N, C-alpha and C. Protein backbone atom coordinates (compact mmCIF):
# COMPACT_ATOMS: atom_id res chain seq x y z
N MET A 1 0.83 -1.20 0.00
CA MET A 1 0.00 0.00 0.00
C MET A 1 0.87 1.25 0.00
N GLU A 2 1.92 1.24 0.80
CA GLU A 2 2.80 2.39 0.88
C GLU A 2 3.48 2.65 -0.47
N PHE A 3 3.88 1.57 -1.16
CA PHE A 3 4.50 1.69 -2.47
C PHE A 3 3.54 2.35 -3.46
N LEU A 4 2.28 1.98 -3.40
CA LEU A 4 1.26 2.54 -4.30
C LEU A 4 1.13 4.04 -4.10
N VAL A 5 1.11 4.49 -2.86
CA VAL A 5 1.01 5.92 -2.55
C VAL A 5 2.25 6.66 -3.11
N ILE A 6 3.43 6.08 -2.90
CA ILE A 6 4.67 6.69 -3.39
C ILE A 6 4.64 6.76 -4.92
N ALA A 7 4.17 5.70 -5.57
CA ALA A 7 4.10 5.67 -7.03
C ALA A 7 3.14 6.75 -7.55
N ILE A 8 1.99 6.91 -6.91
CA ILE A 8 1.01 7.92 -7.33
C ILE A 8 1.58 9.32 -7.15
N VAL A 9 2.22 9.57 -6.03
CA VAL A 9 2.83 10.88 -5.78
C VAL A 9 3.92 11.16 -6.81
N ALA A 10 4.73 10.15 -7.13
CA ALA A 10 5.80 10.33 -8.12
C ALA A 10 5.21 10.68 -9.48
N LEU A 11 4.14 10.00 -9.89
CA LEU A 11 3.49 10.30 -11.17
C LEU A 11 2.95 11.73 -11.20
N LEU A 12 2.36 12.16 -10.10
CA LEU A 12 1.85 13.53 -10.02
C LEU A 12 2.97 14.55 -10.14
N VAL A 13 4.08 14.30 -9.45
CA VAL A 13 5.22 15.22 -9.50
C VAL A 13 5.76 15.31 -10.93
N VAL A 14 5.91 14.19 -11.61
CA VAL A 14 6.40 14.18 -12.99
C VAL A 14 5.44 14.94 -13.89
N GLY A 15 4.14 14.73 -13.73
CA GLY A 15 3.13 15.43 -14.53
C GLY A 15 3.18 16.93 -14.33
N VAL A 16 3.29 17.37 -13.10
CA VAL A 16 3.36 18.81 -12.79
C VAL A 16 4.65 19.40 -13.37
N PHE A 17 5.77 18.67 -13.23
CA PHE A 17 7.05 19.12 -13.77
C PHE A 17 6.96 19.30 -15.29
N ARG A 18 6.39 18.32 -15.98
CA ARG A 18 6.26 18.40 -17.45
C ARG A 18 5.38 19.58 -17.86
N TYR A 19 4.30 19.78 -17.12
CA TYR A 19 3.38 20.87 -17.43
C TYR A 19 4.10 22.22 -17.37
N PHE A 20 4.84 22.45 -16.31
CA PHE A 20 5.53 23.73 -16.16
C PHE A 20 6.71 23.87 -17.13
N ARG A 21 7.41 22.78 -17.43
CA ARG A 21 8.50 22.83 -18.40
C ARG A 21 7.94 23.15 -19.79
N GLN A 22 6.79 22.55 -20.11
CA GLN A 22 6.17 22.79 -21.41
C GLN A 22 5.77 24.25 -21.59
N LYS A 23 5.37 24.89 -20.51
CA LYS A 23 4.97 26.30 -20.59
C LYS A 23 6.14 27.19 -21.03
N ASN A 24 7.38 26.71 -20.86
CA ASN A 24 8.55 27.49 -21.26
C ASN A 24 8.75 27.52 -22.77
N TYR A 25 8.30 26.49 -23.49
CA TYR A 25 8.56 26.45 -24.93
C TYR A 25 7.30 26.39 -25.80
N LEU A 26 6.13 26.15 -25.21
CA LEU A 26 4.90 26.04 -26.00
C LEU A 26 3.91 27.10 -25.54
N LYS A 27 3.49 27.94 -26.50
CA LYS A 27 2.49 28.96 -26.20
C LYS A 27 1.14 28.48 -26.71
N VAL A 28 0.19 28.31 -25.80
CA VAL A 28 -1.16 27.87 -26.16
C VAL A 28 -2.00 29.10 -26.48
N LEU A 29 -2.57 29.12 -27.68
CA LEU A 29 -3.31 30.29 -28.14
C LEU A 29 -4.80 30.01 -28.28
N THR A 30 -5.60 31.03 -28.00
CA THR A 30 -7.04 30.94 -28.28
C THR A 30 -7.20 30.95 -29.80
N GLU A 31 -8.39 30.61 -30.28
CA GLU A 31 -8.62 30.61 -31.72
C GLU A 31 -8.33 31.99 -32.32
N GLN A 32 -8.73 33.04 -31.63
CA GLN A 32 -8.50 34.41 -32.13
C GLN A 32 -7.01 34.71 -32.25
N GLN A 33 -6.25 34.38 -31.22
CA GLN A 33 -4.80 34.60 -31.25
C GLN A 33 -4.15 33.75 -32.35
N PHE A 34 -4.63 32.54 -32.50
CA PHE A 34 -4.11 31.62 -33.51
C PHE A 34 -4.33 32.18 -34.91
N ARG A 35 -5.54 32.71 -35.15
CA ARG A 35 -5.88 33.30 -36.45
C ARG A 35 -4.97 34.49 -36.78
N GLU A 36 -4.62 35.27 -35.76
CA GLU A 36 -3.82 36.47 -35.96
C GLU A 36 -2.41 36.16 -36.45
N GLY A 37 -1.90 34.96 -36.15
CA GLY A 37 -0.50 34.69 -36.49
C GLY A 37 -0.22 33.55 -37.44
N TYR A 38 -1.17 32.66 -37.67
CA TYR A 38 -0.82 31.44 -38.40
C TYR A 38 -0.51 31.65 -39.88
N ARG A 39 -0.97 32.73 -40.48
CA ARG A 39 -0.69 32.95 -41.90
C ARG A 39 0.77 33.33 -42.14
N LYS A 40 1.44 33.85 -41.11
CA LYS A 40 2.85 34.23 -41.23
C LYS A 40 3.76 33.11 -40.72
N ALA A 41 3.20 31.93 -40.49
CA ALA A 41 3.95 30.85 -39.86
C ALA A 41 3.79 29.56 -40.66
N GLN A 42 4.39 28.51 -40.15
CA GLN A 42 4.21 27.17 -40.71
C GLN A 42 3.03 26.56 -39.96
N LEU A 43 1.94 26.34 -40.65
CA LEU A 43 0.73 25.77 -40.04
C LEU A 43 0.73 24.27 -40.26
N ILE A 44 0.87 23.52 -39.17
CA ILE A 44 1.04 22.07 -39.26
C ILE A 44 -0.10 21.35 -38.52
N ASP A 45 -0.79 20.48 -39.26
CA ASP A 45 -1.82 19.60 -38.70
C ASP A 45 -1.12 18.27 -38.41
N VAL A 46 -1.05 17.88 -37.14
CA VAL A 46 -0.31 16.66 -36.77
C VAL A 46 -1.21 15.43 -36.68
N ARG A 47 -2.45 15.54 -37.16
CA ARG A 47 -3.34 14.38 -37.17
C ARG A 47 -2.97 13.44 -38.31
N GLU A 48 -3.55 12.26 -38.30
CA GLU A 48 -3.30 11.28 -39.36
C GLU A 48 -3.98 11.73 -40.66
N PRO A 49 -3.45 11.26 -41.83
CA PRO A 49 -3.98 11.71 -43.13
C PRO A 49 -5.50 11.55 -43.30
N GLN A 50 -6.07 10.47 -42.80
CA GLN A 50 -7.52 10.28 -42.96
C GLN A 50 -8.32 11.33 -42.17
N GLU A 51 -7.79 11.77 -41.02
CA GLU A 51 -8.44 12.85 -40.26
C GLU A 51 -8.29 14.17 -41.01
N PHE A 52 -7.11 14.43 -41.53
CA PHE A 52 -6.81 15.64 -42.29
C PHE A 52 -7.74 15.75 -43.50
N ASP A 53 -7.92 14.64 -44.23
CA ASP A 53 -8.76 14.64 -45.43
C ASP A 53 -10.23 14.95 -45.13
N LYS A 54 -10.69 14.60 -43.94
CA LYS A 54 -12.09 14.87 -43.57
C LYS A 54 -12.32 16.35 -43.31
N GLY A 55 -11.26 17.09 -43.03
CA GLY A 55 -11.37 18.53 -42.81
C GLY A 55 -10.16 19.05 -42.06
N HIS A 56 -9.64 20.19 -42.53
CA HIS A 56 -8.48 20.81 -41.88
C HIS A 56 -8.54 22.32 -42.09
N ILE A 57 -7.76 23.05 -41.29
CA ILE A 57 -7.71 24.50 -41.41
C ILE A 57 -7.10 24.85 -42.76
N LEU A 58 -7.73 25.78 -43.44
CA LEU A 58 -7.27 26.22 -44.75
C LEU A 58 -5.80 26.65 -44.69
N GLY A 59 -4.97 26.08 -45.55
CA GLY A 59 -3.55 26.42 -45.59
C GLY A 59 -2.65 25.53 -44.76
N ALA A 60 -3.22 24.57 -44.05
CA ALA A 60 -2.41 23.69 -43.20
C ALA A 60 -1.72 22.61 -44.01
N ARG A 61 -0.54 22.22 -43.54
CA ARG A 61 0.17 21.05 -44.09
C ARG A 61 -0.01 19.90 -43.13
N ASN A 62 -0.15 18.71 -43.66
CA ASN A 62 -0.32 17.53 -42.82
C ASN A 62 1.02 16.82 -42.61
N ILE A 63 1.53 16.94 -41.39
CA ILE A 63 2.71 16.18 -40.97
C ILE A 63 2.31 15.46 -39.69
N PRO A 64 1.80 14.22 -39.83
CA PRO A 64 1.33 13.49 -38.65
C PRO A 64 2.42 13.32 -37.59
N LEU A 65 2.01 13.35 -36.34
CA LEU A 65 2.94 13.16 -35.23
C LEU A 65 3.75 11.88 -35.43
N THR A 66 3.10 10.83 -35.95
CA THR A 66 3.77 9.54 -36.14
C THR A 66 4.89 9.60 -37.18
N GLN A 67 4.90 10.65 -38.03
CA GLN A 67 5.92 10.79 -39.06
C GLN A 67 6.85 11.99 -38.82
N MET A 68 6.62 12.74 -37.77
CA MET A 68 7.29 14.02 -37.60
C MET A 68 8.82 13.90 -37.56
N LYS A 69 9.36 12.94 -36.83
CA LYS A 69 10.82 12.80 -36.76
C LYS A 69 11.43 12.64 -38.15
N GLN A 70 10.80 11.84 -39.00
CA GLN A 70 11.32 11.58 -40.34
C GLN A 70 11.11 12.77 -41.27
N ARG A 71 10.16 13.65 -40.95
CA ARG A 71 9.81 14.73 -41.87
C ARG A 71 10.24 16.12 -41.38
N LEU A 72 11.10 16.18 -40.38
CA LEU A 72 11.57 17.46 -39.86
C LEU A 72 12.23 18.32 -40.94
N ILE A 73 12.79 17.68 -41.95
CA ILE A 73 13.45 18.40 -43.04
C ILE A 73 12.47 19.32 -43.78
N GLU A 74 11.17 19.03 -43.67
CA GLU A 74 10.15 19.83 -44.35
C GLU A 74 9.80 21.11 -43.58
N MET A 75 10.35 21.24 -42.38
CA MET A 75 10.01 22.38 -41.53
C MET A 75 11.24 23.25 -41.28
N ARG A 76 11.00 24.55 -41.16
CA ARG A 76 12.10 25.49 -40.92
C ARG A 76 12.17 25.88 -39.44
N PRO A 77 13.33 25.69 -38.81
CA PRO A 77 13.46 26.06 -37.39
C PRO A 77 13.45 27.57 -37.15
N ASP A 78 13.69 28.38 -38.21
CA ASP A 78 13.77 29.83 -38.06
C ASP A 78 12.41 30.52 -38.23
N LYS A 79 11.36 29.77 -38.52
CA LYS A 79 10.02 30.35 -38.67
C LYS A 79 9.10 29.81 -37.59
N PRO A 80 8.13 30.62 -37.13
CA PRO A 80 7.18 30.12 -36.12
C PRO A 80 6.43 28.89 -36.62
N VAL A 81 6.13 27.98 -35.70
CA VAL A 81 5.38 26.77 -36.02
C VAL A 81 4.06 26.80 -35.25
N TYR A 82 2.96 26.74 -35.98
CA TYR A 82 1.62 26.69 -35.39
C TYR A 82 1.10 25.27 -35.56
N LEU A 83 0.85 24.61 -34.45
CA LEU A 83 0.45 23.21 -34.44
C LEU A 83 -1.00 23.05 -34.00
N TYR A 84 -1.65 22.03 -34.55
CA TYR A 84 -2.94 21.63 -33.99
C TYR A 84 -3.17 20.15 -34.31
N CYS A 85 -4.01 19.54 -33.49
CA CYS A 85 -4.47 18.17 -33.72
C CYS A 85 -5.97 18.19 -33.44
N GLN A 86 -6.54 17.07 -33.09
CA GLN A 86 -7.99 17.05 -32.85
C GLN A 86 -8.36 17.76 -31.55
N SER A 87 -7.59 17.49 -30.48
CA SER A 87 -7.95 18.08 -29.18
C SER A 87 -6.81 18.79 -28.46
N GLY A 88 -5.57 18.50 -28.83
CA GLY A 88 -4.44 19.20 -28.20
C GLY A 88 -3.34 18.30 -27.67
N SER A 89 -3.61 17.01 -27.47
CA SER A 89 -2.58 16.16 -26.86
C SER A 89 -1.47 15.80 -27.84
N ARG A 90 -1.81 15.48 -29.09
CA ARG A 90 -0.77 15.14 -30.07
C ARG A 90 0.06 16.37 -30.44
N SER A 91 -0.58 17.52 -30.55
CA SER A 91 0.20 18.72 -30.89
C SER A 91 1.14 19.09 -29.74
N ALA A 92 0.76 18.81 -28.50
CA ALA A 92 1.67 19.05 -27.36
C ALA A 92 2.88 18.12 -27.45
N ARG A 93 2.66 16.86 -27.84
CA ARG A 93 3.78 15.92 -28.00
C ARG A 93 4.66 16.34 -29.17
N ALA A 94 4.05 16.84 -30.25
CA ALA A 94 4.82 17.33 -31.40
C ALA A 94 5.69 18.53 -30.97
N ALA A 95 5.12 19.40 -30.16
CA ALA A 95 5.87 20.57 -29.67
C ALA A 95 7.07 20.14 -28.84
N GLN A 96 6.88 19.12 -28.03
CA GLN A 96 7.98 18.60 -27.21
C GLN A 96 9.11 18.09 -28.12
N LEU A 97 8.75 17.36 -29.16
CA LEU A 97 9.74 16.84 -30.10
C LEU A 97 10.46 17.99 -30.80
N LEU A 98 9.71 18.98 -31.27
CA LEU A 98 10.32 20.13 -31.96
C LEU A 98 11.25 20.90 -31.03
N ASN A 99 10.83 21.07 -29.78
CA ASN A 99 11.68 21.76 -28.80
C ASN A 99 13.01 21.02 -28.61
N LYS A 100 12.96 19.71 -28.54
CA LYS A 100 14.19 18.91 -28.40
C LYS A 100 15.09 19.06 -29.61
N LYS A 101 14.49 19.35 -30.78
CA LYS A 101 15.27 19.50 -32.02
C LYS A 101 15.70 20.95 -32.26
N GLY A 102 15.46 21.83 -31.29
CA GLY A 102 15.96 23.19 -31.39
C GLY A 102 14.97 24.25 -31.85
N TYR A 103 13.73 23.88 -32.10
CA TYR A 103 12.70 24.86 -32.48
C TYR A 103 12.31 25.64 -31.23
N THR A 104 12.14 26.96 -31.37
CA THR A 104 11.85 27.77 -30.19
C THR A 104 10.54 28.55 -30.28
N ASP A 105 10.04 28.76 -31.48
CA ASP A 105 8.85 29.59 -31.68
C ASP A 105 7.66 28.67 -31.99
N ILE A 106 7.09 28.04 -30.96
CA ILE A 106 6.08 26.99 -31.14
C ILE A 106 4.76 27.41 -30.49
N TYR A 107 3.67 27.26 -31.25
CA TYR A 107 2.34 27.64 -30.79
C TYR A 107 1.38 26.48 -31.00
N GLN A 108 0.35 26.45 -30.15
CA GLN A 108 -0.65 25.38 -30.22
C GLN A 108 -2.04 25.98 -30.15
N LEU A 109 -2.96 25.44 -30.95
CA LEU A 109 -4.36 25.87 -30.92
C LEU A 109 -5.06 25.26 -29.71
N LYS A 110 -5.52 26.11 -28.83
CA LYS A 110 -6.22 25.66 -27.62
C LYS A 110 -7.50 24.90 -28.01
N GLY A 111 -7.64 23.68 -27.52
CA GLY A 111 -8.83 22.89 -27.80
C GLY A 111 -8.77 22.11 -29.10
N GLY A 112 -7.77 22.41 -29.95
CA GLY A 112 -7.59 21.67 -31.18
C GLY A 112 -8.62 21.96 -32.26
N PHE A 113 -8.58 21.14 -33.31
CA PHE A 113 -9.44 21.33 -34.48
C PHE A 113 -10.92 21.23 -34.13
N LYS A 114 -11.26 20.40 -33.15
CA LYS A 114 -12.69 20.25 -32.82
C LYS A 114 -13.31 21.54 -32.28
N LYS A 115 -12.48 22.49 -31.83
CA LYS A 115 -12.99 23.78 -31.34
C LYS A 115 -12.90 24.88 -32.40
N TRP A 116 -12.28 24.59 -33.55
CA TRP A 116 -12.06 25.58 -34.60
C TRP A 116 -13.39 25.96 -35.26
N THR A 117 -13.60 27.26 -35.44
CA THR A 117 -14.84 27.73 -36.08
C THR A 117 -14.57 28.44 -37.41
N GLY A 118 -13.29 28.55 -37.78
CA GLY A 118 -12.93 29.26 -39.01
C GLY A 118 -13.07 28.39 -40.25
N LYS A 119 -12.52 28.90 -41.36
CA LYS A 119 -12.62 28.21 -42.64
C LYS A 119 -11.85 26.89 -42.59
N ILE A 120 -12.47 25.89 -43.24
CA ILE A 120 -11.82 24.58 -43.34
C ILE A 120 -11.89 24.11 -44.79
N LYS A 121 -11.04 23.14 -45.09
CA LYS A 121 -11.05 22.51 -46.40
C LYS A 121 -11.14 21.00 -46.18
N ALA A 122 -11.96 20.35 -46.99
CA ALA A 122 -12.08 18.89 -46.90
C ALA A 122 -11.94 18.30 -48.31
N LYS A 123 -11.47 17.07 -48.38
CA LYS A 123 -11.34 16.40 -49.68
C LYS A 123 -12.62 15.68 -50.02
């Protein structure tokens, strides 16, 4: 029982640490803030291709999180990166990967694509 309590506390500490560390390199933007800047940036949809085809923000490129390491060559570290996924968890993981690779200007759409009310394109 004591081990279980220690394990739970350790998991909480790691989660809190990650949350605060992430705040140093990832800026979470409201839809309005996101709209104001994404046209001057690299707009990346990190969802899988079948999700992207069903609908995505106009002008977005699809680089799924599962392929991001292999496709980093397609992205410029000197330009802002605006990320989104369906709800926010995959884009947060993508931001973590980009931060480790030296990207510093990283933004995320709060609530993800499911909260987006702007123009979309679907195949």
